[in-house]
C-alpha atoms as a PDB file:
ATOM      1  CA  MET A   1      10.278  13.209 -11.687  1.00  0.00           C
ATOM      2  CA  SER A   2       7.570  14.416 -14.044  1.00  0.00           C
ATOM      3  CA  ASN A   3       4.248  16.097 -13.398  1.00  0.00           C
ATOM      4  CA  SER A   4       1.505  15.892 -15.964  1.00  0.00           C
ATOM      5  CA  ILE A   5      -2.131  16.923 -16.063  1.00  0.00           C
ATOM      6  CA  TRP A   6      -4.890  15.681 -18.354  1.00  0.00           C
ATOM      7  CA  ILE A   7      -8.377  17.163 -18.535  1.00  0.00           C
ATOM      8  CA  SER A   8     -11.224  15.607 -20.527  1.00  0.00           C
ATOM      9  CA  ASP A   9     -15.009  15.447 -20.482  1.00  0.00           C
ATOM     10  CA  TYR A  10     -14.874  12.291 -18.371  1.00  0.00           C
ATOM     11  CA  ASP A  11     -12.188  12.771 -15.763  1.00  0.00           C
ATOM     12  CA  VAL A  12      -9.405  14.912 -14.423  1.00  0.00           C
ATOM     13  CA  ILE A  13      -6.069  13.367 -13.641  1.00  0.00           C
ATOM     14  CA  HIS A  14      -3.094  14.940 -11.916  1.00  0.00           C
ATOM     15  CA  ARG A  15      -0.166  12.583 -12.135  1.00  0.00           C
ATOM     16  CA  CYS A  16       3.202  12.545 -10.423  1.00  0.00           C
ATOM     17  CA  LYS A  17       5.561   9.911 -11.752  1.00  0.00           C
ATOM     18  CA  THR A  18       9.014   8.641 -10.874  1.00  0.00           C
ATOM     19  CA  GLN A  19      10.836   5.535 -12.027  1.00  0.00           C
ATOM     20  CA  ASN A  20       9.272   3.378  -9.310  1.00  0.00           C
ATOM     21  CA  PHE A  21       6.144   5.216  -8.282  1.00  0.00           C
ATOM     22  CA  GLN A  22       3.097   6.825  -9.759  1.00  0.00           C
ATOM     23  CA  LEU A  23       0.430   8.870  -8.007  1.00  0.00           C
ATOM     24  CA  SER A  24      -2.795   9.603  -9.873  1.00  0.00           C
ATOM     25  CA  VAL A  25      -5.636  11.833  -8.733  1.00  0.00           C
ATOM     26  CA  ALA A  26      -8.796  11.399 -10.761  1.00  0.00           C
ATOM     27  CA  ALA A  27     -11.956  13.443 -10.325  1.00  0.00           C
ATOM     28  CA  HIS A  28     -15.361  12.281 -11.513  1.00  0.00           C
ATOM     29  CA  PRO A  29     -18.753  14.005 -11.228  1.00  0.00           C
ATOM     30  CA  ASN A  30     -19.916  14.093  -7.590  1.00  0.00           C
ATOM     31  CA  LYS A  31     -16.898  12.175  -6.369  1.00  0.00           C
ATOM     32  CA  MET A  32     -13.140  12.370  -6.179  1.00  0.00           C
ATOM     33  CA  ASN A  33     -10.950   9.301  -6.111  1.00  0.00           C
ATOM     34  CA  ALA A  34      -7.205   9.182  -5.714  1.00  0.00           C
ATOM     35  CA  LYS A  35      -4.846   6.270  -5.631  1.00  0.00           C
ATOM     36  CA  PHE A  36      -1.243   5.350  -5.232  1.00  0.00           C
ATOM     37  CA  VAL A  37      -0.035   2.976  -7.920  1.00  0.00           C
ATOM     38  CA  SER A  38       3.137   0.987  -7.427  1.00  0.00           C
ATOM     39  CA  GLN A  39       5.012  -0.113 -10.502  1.00  0.00           C
ATOM     40  CA  PRO A  40       5.438  -2.570 -12.099  1.00  0.00           C
ATOM     41  CA  LYS A  41       2.596  -4.328 -10.238  1.00  0.00           C
ATOM     42  CA  ASN A  42       0.262  -1.454 -11.078  1.00  0.00           C
ATOM     43  CA  TRP A  43      -2.065  -2.117  -8.129  1.00  0.00           C
ATOM     44  CA  GLN A  44      -3.916   0.353  -5.999  1.00  0.00           C
ATOM     45  CA  VAL A  45      -2.537   1.023  -2.541  1.00  0.00           C
ATOM     46  CA  ALA A  46      -4.945   3.639  -1.216  1.00  0.00           C
ATOM     47  CA  GLN A  47      -8.025   5.537  -2.267  1.00  0.00           C
ATOM     48  CA  TRP A  48     -10.384   8.058  -0.751  1.00  0.00           C
ATOM     49  CA  ASP A  49     -13.741   9.484  -1.722  1.00  0.00           C
ATOM     50  CA  LEU A  50     -15.521  12.767  -1.178  1.00  0.00           C
ATOM     51  CA  GLU A  51     -19.217  12.149  -0.816  1.00  0.00           C
ATOM     52  CA  GLY A  52     -22.177  14.264   0.212  1.00  0.00           C
ATOM     53  CA  ILE A  53     -20.612  17.573  -0.817  1.00  0.00           C
ATOM     54  CA  GLY A  54     -22.793  18.166  -3.848  1.00  0.00           C
ATOM     55  CA  PRO A  55     -21.940  18.052  -7.539  1.00  0.00           C
ATOM     56  CA  ARG A  56     -18.669  19.377  -8.888  1.00  0.00           C
ATOM     57  CA  SER A  57     -19.375  22.889 -10.134  1.00  0.00           C
ATOM     58  CA  GLU A  58     -15.901  23.814 -11.360  1.00  0.00           C
ATOM     59  CA  PHE A  59     -12.418  22.445 -11.856  1.00  0.00           C
ATOM     60  CA  TYR A  60      -9.207  23.854 -13.248  1.00  0.00           C
ATOM     61  CA  VAL A  61      -5.430  23.606 -13.016  1.00  0.00           C
ATOM     62  CA  ARG A  62      -3.357  26.256 -11.281  1.00  0.00           C
ATOM     63  CA  GLY A  63       0.377  25.608 -11.444  1.00  0.00           C
ATOM     64  CA  HIS A  64       0.883  22.093 -10.093  1.00  0.00           C
ATOM     65  CA  ASP A  65      -2.489  22.112  -8.320  1.00  0.00           C
ATOM     66  CA  LEU A  66      -5.664  20.450  -9.449  1.00  0.00           C
ATOM     67  CA  VAL A  67      -8.486  22.590  -8.044  1.00  0.00           C
ATOM     68  CA  GLU A  68     -12.063  21.347  -7.695  1.00  0.00           C
ATOM     69  CA  ARG A  69     -15.115  23.163  -6.396  1.00  0.00           C
ATOM     70  CA  TYR A  70     -18.242  21.390  -5.201  1.00  0.00           C
ATOM     71  CA  THR A  71     -21.505  23.132  -4.279  1.00  0.00           C
ATOM     72  CA  THR A  72     -24.476  21.564  -2.528  1.00  0.00           C
ATOM     73  CA  THR A  73     -27.738  21.531  -4.473  1.00  0.00           C
ATOM     74  CA  ASP A  74     -29.161  24.293  -2.272  1.00  0.00           C
ATOM     75  CA  GLU A  75     -26.004  26.373  -2.970  1.00  0.00           C
ATOM     76  CA  GLN A  76     -25.499  26.992   0.737  1.00  0.00           C
ATOM     77  CA  LEU A  77     -22.195  25.173   1.252  1.00  0.00           C
ATOM     78  CA  THR A  78     -19.156  25.267  -1.028  1.00  0.00           C
ATOM     79  CA  THR A  79     -16.153  22.932  -0.814  1.00  0.00           C
ATOM     80  CA  GLU A  80     -12.837  23.433  -2.575  1.00  0.00           C
ATOM     81  CA  VAL A  81     -10.253  20.675  -2.887  1.00  0.00           C
ATOM     82  CA  TYR A  82      -6.675  21.390  -3.915  1.00  0.00           C
ATOM     83  CA  SER A  83      -4.670  18.298  -4.873  1.00  0.00           C
ATOM     84  CA  ARG A  84      -1.057  19.423  -4.659  1.00  0.00           C
ATOM     85  CA  ILE A  85       1.659  17.045  -5.807  1.00  0.00           C
ATOM     86  CA  LEU A  86       4.731  16.869  -3.559  1.00  0.00           C
ATOM     87  CA  PRO A  87       7.481  15.973  -6.049  1.00  0.00           C
ATOM     88  CA  ASP A  88      10.225  15.855  -3.410  1.00  0.00           C
ATOM     89  CA  GLN A  89       8.290  13.443  -1.212  1.00  0.00           C
ATOM     90  CA  ASP A  90       6.528  11.106  -3.644  1.00  0.00           C
ATOM     91  CA  GLY A  91       3.119  12.097  -2.389  1.00  0.00           C
ATOM     92  CA  VAL A  92       0.219  14.495  -2.450  1.00  0.00           C
ATOM     93  CA  GLU A  93      -1.170  17.176  -0.168  1.00  0.00           C
ATOM     94  CA  LEU A  94      -4.904  17.769   0.014  1.00  0.00           C
ATOM     95  CA  ILE A  95      -6.003  21.246   1.030  1.00  0.00           C
ATOM     96  CA  LEU A  96      -9.739  21.340   1.683  1.00  0.00           C
ATOM     97  CA  SER A  97     -11.767  24.442   2.427  1.00  0.00           C
ATOM     98  CA  ARG A  98     -15.458  24.988   3.201  1.00  0.00           C
ATOM     99  CA  GLN A  99     -17.553  28.158   3.130  1.00  0.00           C
ATOM    100  CA  THR A 100     -21.251  28.727   3.805  1.00  0.00           C
ATOM    101  CA  SER A 101     -23.793  31.349   2.782  1.00  0.00           C
ATOM    102  CA  LEU A 102     -25.754  30.771   6.004  1.00  0.00           C
ATOM    103  CA  LEU A 103     -25.417  32.629   9.289  1.00  0.00           C
ATOM    104  CA  ASP A 104     -24.847  29.278  10.992  1.00  0.00           C
ATOM    105  CA  SER A 105     -23.973  25.987   9.299  1.00  0.00           C
ATOM    106  CA  ASP A 106     -22.830  22.463  10.158  1.00  0.00           C
ATOM    107  CA  PRO A 107     -19.928  21.899   7.733  1.00  0.00           C
ATOM    108  CA  GLN A 108     -18.603  18.575   9.044  1.00  0.00           C
ATOM    109  CA  LEU A 109     -17.119  16.205   6.510  1.00  0.00           C
ATOM    110  CA  SER A 110     -15.400  12.849   6.976  1.00  0.00           C
ATOM    111  CA  LEU A 111     -12.757  11.481   4.669  1.00  0.00           C
ATOM    112  CA  VAL A 112     -12.337   7.710   4.700  1.00  0.00           C
ATOM    113  CA  PHE A 113      -9.030   6.383   3.382  1.00  0.00           C
ATOM    114  CA  GLN A 114      -8.824   2.733   2.392  1.00  0.00           C
ATOM    115  CA  PHE A 115      -5.479   0.920   2.284  1.00  0.00           C
ATOM    116  CA  ASP A 116      -5.388  -2.494   0.625  1.00  0.00           C
ATOM    117  CA  ASP A 117      -2.703  -5.190   0.878  1.00  0.00           C
ATOM    118  CA  ALA A 118      -1.727  -3.760   4.250  1.00  0.00           C
ATOM    119  CA  ASN A 119       0.968  -5.835   5.937  1.00  0.00           C
ATOM    120  CA  SER A 120       1.432  -3.620   8.973  1.00  0.00           C
ATOM    121  CA  VAL A 121       0.027  -0.525  10.703  1.00  0.00           C
ATOM    122  CA  SER A 122       2.104   1.851  12.817  1.00  0.00           C
ATOM    123  CA  THR A 123       0.953   4.980  14.646  1.00  0.00           C
ATOM    124  CA  PHE A 124       3.081   7.951  15.675  1.00  0.00           C
ATOM    125  CA  SER A 125       3.564   8.537  19.400  1.00  0.00           C
ATOM    126  CA  SER A 126       3.782  11.698  21.488  1.00  0.00           C
ATOM    127  CA  ARG A 127       7.482  10.858  21.920  1.00  0.00           C
ATOM    128  CA  GLU A 128       7.874  11.687  18.216  1.00  0.00           C
ATOM    129  CA  SER A 129       8.644   8.106  17.291  1.00  0.00           C
ATOM    130  CA  TRP A 130       6.687   5.252  15.741  1.00  0.00           C
ATOM    131  CA  ASN A 131       4.895   2.828  18.020  1.00  0.00           C
ATOM    132  CA  PRO A 132       5.462  -0.898  17.414  1.00  0.00           C
ATOM    133  CA  PRO A 133       3.284  -2.172  14.543  1.00  0.00           C
ATOM    134  CA  GLY A 134      -0.252  -3.171  15.479  1.00  0.00           C
ATOM    135  CA  LEU A 135      -3.540  -1.736  16.726  1.00  0.00           C
ATOM    136  CA  GLY A 136      -4.102  -3.933  19.762  1.00  0.00           C
ATOM    137  CA  PRO A 137      -6.609  -6.761  20.264  1.00  0.00           C
ATOM    138  CA  GLN A 138      -9.507  -4.664  18.946  1.00  0.00           C
ATOM    139  CA  ASN A 139      -7.641  -3.795  15.716  1.00  0.00           C
ATOM    140  CA  PHE A 140      -8.671  -0.200  16.331  1.00  0.00           C
ATOM    141  CA  ALA A 141      -6.989   2.999  17.520  1.00  0.00           C
ATOM    142  CA  SER A 142      -7.980   6.652  17.974  1.00  0.00           C
ATOM    143  CA  LEU A 143      -5.269   9.257  17.448  1.00  0.00           C
ATOM    144  CA  SER A 144      -5.515  12.837  18.676  1.00  0.00           C
ATOM    145  CA  ASP A 145      -2.115  14.546  18.554  1.00  0.00           C
ATOM    146  CA  PRO A 146      -0.033  13.515  16.743  1.00  0.00           C
ATOM    147  CA  MET A 147      -2.238  12.219  13.936  1.00  0.00           C
ATOM    148  CA  ALA A 148       0.016  10.156  11.717  1.00  0.00           C
ATOM    149  CA  VAL A 149      -0.264   6.547  10.606  1.00  0.00           C
ATOM    150  CA  ALA A 150       1.998   4.447   8.385  1.00  0.00           C
ATOM    151  CA  ILE A 151       0.850   1.430   6.406  1.00  0.00           C
ATOM    152  CA  GLY A 152       3.336  -1.178   5.236  1.00  0.00           C
ATOM    153  CA  CYS A 153       2.161  -2.857   2.038  1.00  0.00           C
ATOM    154  CA  LEU A 154       3.117  -5.901   0.028  1.00  0.00           C
ATOM    155  CA  ASP A 155       5.491  -3.914  -2.169  1.00  0.00           C
ATOM    156  CA  ALA A 156       7.772  -3.418   0.889  1.00  0.00           C
ATOM    157  CA  ILE A 157       7.054   0.313   0.880  1.00  0.00           C
ATOM    158  CA  GLN A 158       5.642   2.377   3.722  1.00  0.00           C
ATOM    159  CA  TYR A 159       2.734   4.720   2.962  1.00  0.00           C
ATOM    160  CA  ALA A 160       1.863   7.385   5.524  1.00  0.00           C
ATOM    161  CA  LEU A 161      -1.135   9.617   6.157  1.00  0.00           C
ATOM    162  CA  PHE A 162      -0.602  12.894   8.060  1.00  0.00           C
ATOM    163  CA  VAL A 163      -3.204  15.363   9.375  1.00  0.00           C
ATOM    164  CA  TYR A 164      -2.057  18.896  10.155  1.00  0.00           C
ATOM    165  CA  PRO A 165      -2.211  19.728  13.900  1.00  0.00           C
ATOM    166  CA  GLY A 166      -5.412  21.482  14.896  1.00  0.00           C
ATOM    167  CA  ASP A 167      -7.278  20.619  11.702  1.00  0.00           C
ATOM    168  CA  CYS A 168      -9.017  17.627  13.280  1.00  0.00           C
ATOM    169  CA  GLU A 169      -9.881  16.559  16.829  1.00  0.00           C
ATOM    170  CA  GLU A 170      -8.946  12.919  16.262  1.00  0.00           C
ATOM    171  CA  ILE A 171      -8.731  10.256  13.599  1.00  0.00           C
ATOM    172  CA  SER A 172      -9.530   6.550  13.799  1.00  0.00           C
ATOM    173  CA  VAL A 173      -7.544   3.656  12.379  1.00  0.00           C
ATOM    174  CA  GLU A 174      -9.196   0.256  11.932  1.00  0.00           C
ATOM    175  CA  ARG A 175      -8.077  -3.012  10.425  1.00  0.00           C
ATOM    176  CA  THR A 176     -11.128  -4.846   9.096  1.00  0.00           C
ATOM    177  CA  ASN A 177      -9.321  -7.936   7.791  1.00  0.00           C
ATOM    178  CA  GLU A 178      -5.831  -9.223   7.069  1.00  0.00           C
ATOM    179  CA  GLU A 179      -5.457  -6.981   4.032  1.00  0.00           C
ATOM    180  CA  THR A 180      -7.540  -3.847   4.607  1.00  0.00           C
ATOM    181  CA  VAL A 181      -7.063  -0.814   6.843  1.00  0.00           C
ATOM    182  CA  PHE A 182      -9.417   2.170   7.030  1.00  0.00           C
ATOM    183  CA  VAL A 183      -8.394   5.593   8.334  1.00  0.00           C
ATOM    184  CA  THR A 184     -11.295   7.972   9.052  1.00  0.00           C
ATOM    185  CA  VAL A 185     -10.588  11.709   9.270  1.00  0.00           C
ATOM    186  CA  PRO A 186     -13.514  13.872  10.527  1.00  0.00           C
ATOM    187  CA  LEU A 187     -13.054  17.478   9.391  1.00  0.00           C
ATOM    188  CA  PHE A 188     -14.832  20.795  10.012  1.00  0.00           C
ATOM    189  CA  THR A 189     -16.603  19.537  13.119  1.00  0.00           C
ATOM    190  CA  THR A 190     -17.432  22.992  14.534  1.00  0.00           C
ATOM    191  CA  HIS A 191     -20.203  25.252  13.252  1.00  0.00           C
ATOM    192  CA  LEU A 192     -19.321  27.639  10.456  1.00  0.00           C
ATOM    193  CA  GLU A 193     -20.439  31.255  10.162  1.00  0.00           C
ATOM    194  CA  LYS A 194     -21.274  33.068   6.928  1.00  0.00           C
ATOM    195  CA  GLY A 195     -18.214  34.588   5.258  1.00  0.00           C
ATOM    196  CA  VAL A 196     -15.723  32.435   7.166  1.00  0.00           C
ATOM    197  CA  ILE A 197     -13.495  30.043   5.206  1.00  0.00           C
ATOM    198  CA  ARG A 198     -12.166  27.051   7.124  1.00  0.00           C
ATOM    199  CA  ARG A 199      -9.280  24.959   5.777  1.00  0.00           C
ATOM    200  CA  SER A 200      -7.767  21.559   6.543  1.00  0.00           C
ATOM    201  CA  ARG A 201      -4.613  19.896   5.278  1.00  0.00           C
ATOM    202  CA  ILE A 202      -3.774  16.235   4.801  1.00  0.00           C
ATOM    203  CA  GLN A 203      -0.688  14.619   3.296  1.00  0.00           C
ATOM    204  CA  MET A 204      -0.129  11.148   1.892  1.00  0.00           C
ATOM    205  CA  VAL A 205       3.518  10.233   1.266  1.00  0.00           C
ATOM    206  CA  ARG A 206       5.676   7.171   0.789  1.00  0.00           C
ATOM    207  CA  ALA A 207       9.133   5.977   1.777  1.00  0.00           C
ATOM    208  CA  GLU A 208      11.174   2.856   1.163  1.00  0.00           C
ATOM    209  CA  GLY A 209      14.403   1.261   2.338  1.00  0.00           C
ATOM    210  CA  LYS A 210      15.728   0.206   5.738  1.00  0.00           C
ATOM    211  CA  ASN A 211      15.189   3.704   7.173  1.00  0.00           C
ATOM    212  CA  ALA A 212      11.720   4.220   5.712  1.00  0.00           C
ATOM    213  CA  MET A 213      10.150   4.914   9.099  1.00  0.00           C
ATOM    214  CA  VAL A 214      12.854   7.468   9.909  1.00  0.00           C
ATOM    215  CA  GLN A 215      12.128   9.149   6.587  1.00  0.00           C
ATOM    216  CA  LEU A 216       8.410   9.288   7.362  1.00  0.00           C
ATOM    217  CA  ALA A 217       9.016  10.733  10.838  1.00  0.00           C
ATOM    218  CA  ALA A 218      11.102  13.496   9.269  1.00  0.00           C
ATOM    219  CA  LYS A 219       8.417  14.173   6.662  1.00  0.00           C
ATOM    220  CA  TYR A 220       5.769  14.433   9.347  1.00  0.00           C
ATOM    221  CA  GLN A 221       7.894  16.862  11.337  1.00  0.00           C
ATOM    222  CA  SER A 222       8.426  18.946   8.209  1.00  0.00           C
ATOM    223  CA  PHE A 223       4.675  18.951   7.583  1.00  0.00           C
ATOM    224  CA  ARG A 224       3.922  20.070  11.141  1.00  0.00           C
ATOM    225  CA  ASP A 225       6.503  22.862  10.877  1.00  0.00           C
ATOM    226  CA  SER A 226       5.303  24.095   7.481  1.00  0.00           C
ATOM    227  CA  GLU A 227       3.423  27.324   6.983  1.00  0.00           C
ATOM    228  CA  ILE A 228      -0.135  27.383   5.718  1.00  0.00           C
ATOM    229  CA  PRO A 229       0.162  27.332   1.914  1.00  0.00           C
ATOM    230  CA  LEU A 230      -1.502  29.810  -0.395  1.00  0.00           C
ATOM    231  CA  THR A 231      -4.479  28.422  -2.322  1.00  0.00           C
ATOM    232  CA  THR A 232      -5.728  31.523  -4.111  1.00  0.00           C
END
């Protein structure tokens, strides 16, 4: 395992690399993209964008975190994004926070995750086990609690997306064609008062082997049991 960080005038990359897996998080002006890359194919498994949060006003590295701050053009709403590499889990944790300078503000923000080359989709059940693969005849599912979905891709590896309990009312999972799955995560859906900082946590991890789904269930349980991490 190695963690490396590059900063230049054009992008910011936080990279976690093992023998078989590489995770890169790249930040560009006004937008953040992140992707899983599976070696040696070197193809993108998942990406997500942050849009409508204003231009990036600041970025820096703190420990193993890549920290970005975005401020709307009217300077009334600030968003911070911590990309925290999880070296023991081959994945990344996103810690997002929003703060307003207004007495009352609508801070809602949706993250849309796109998975390509998706062979299968499995959702986590209230029985703390994975449902059989599939999203039903509509190729669509809404998840409240628990909010965990696993995507099996062409590299025979399972990639999972977890949302911390209470950080989101529900997420939606939709297969749009034979290869593509979108997971939409609406965050900060309640009004925000001046001086209050609201945070949300999301993890993306991977697992492989015959017991990959068991591994992912254990990782989700560990995520749910974890304490709120420090970001300052």
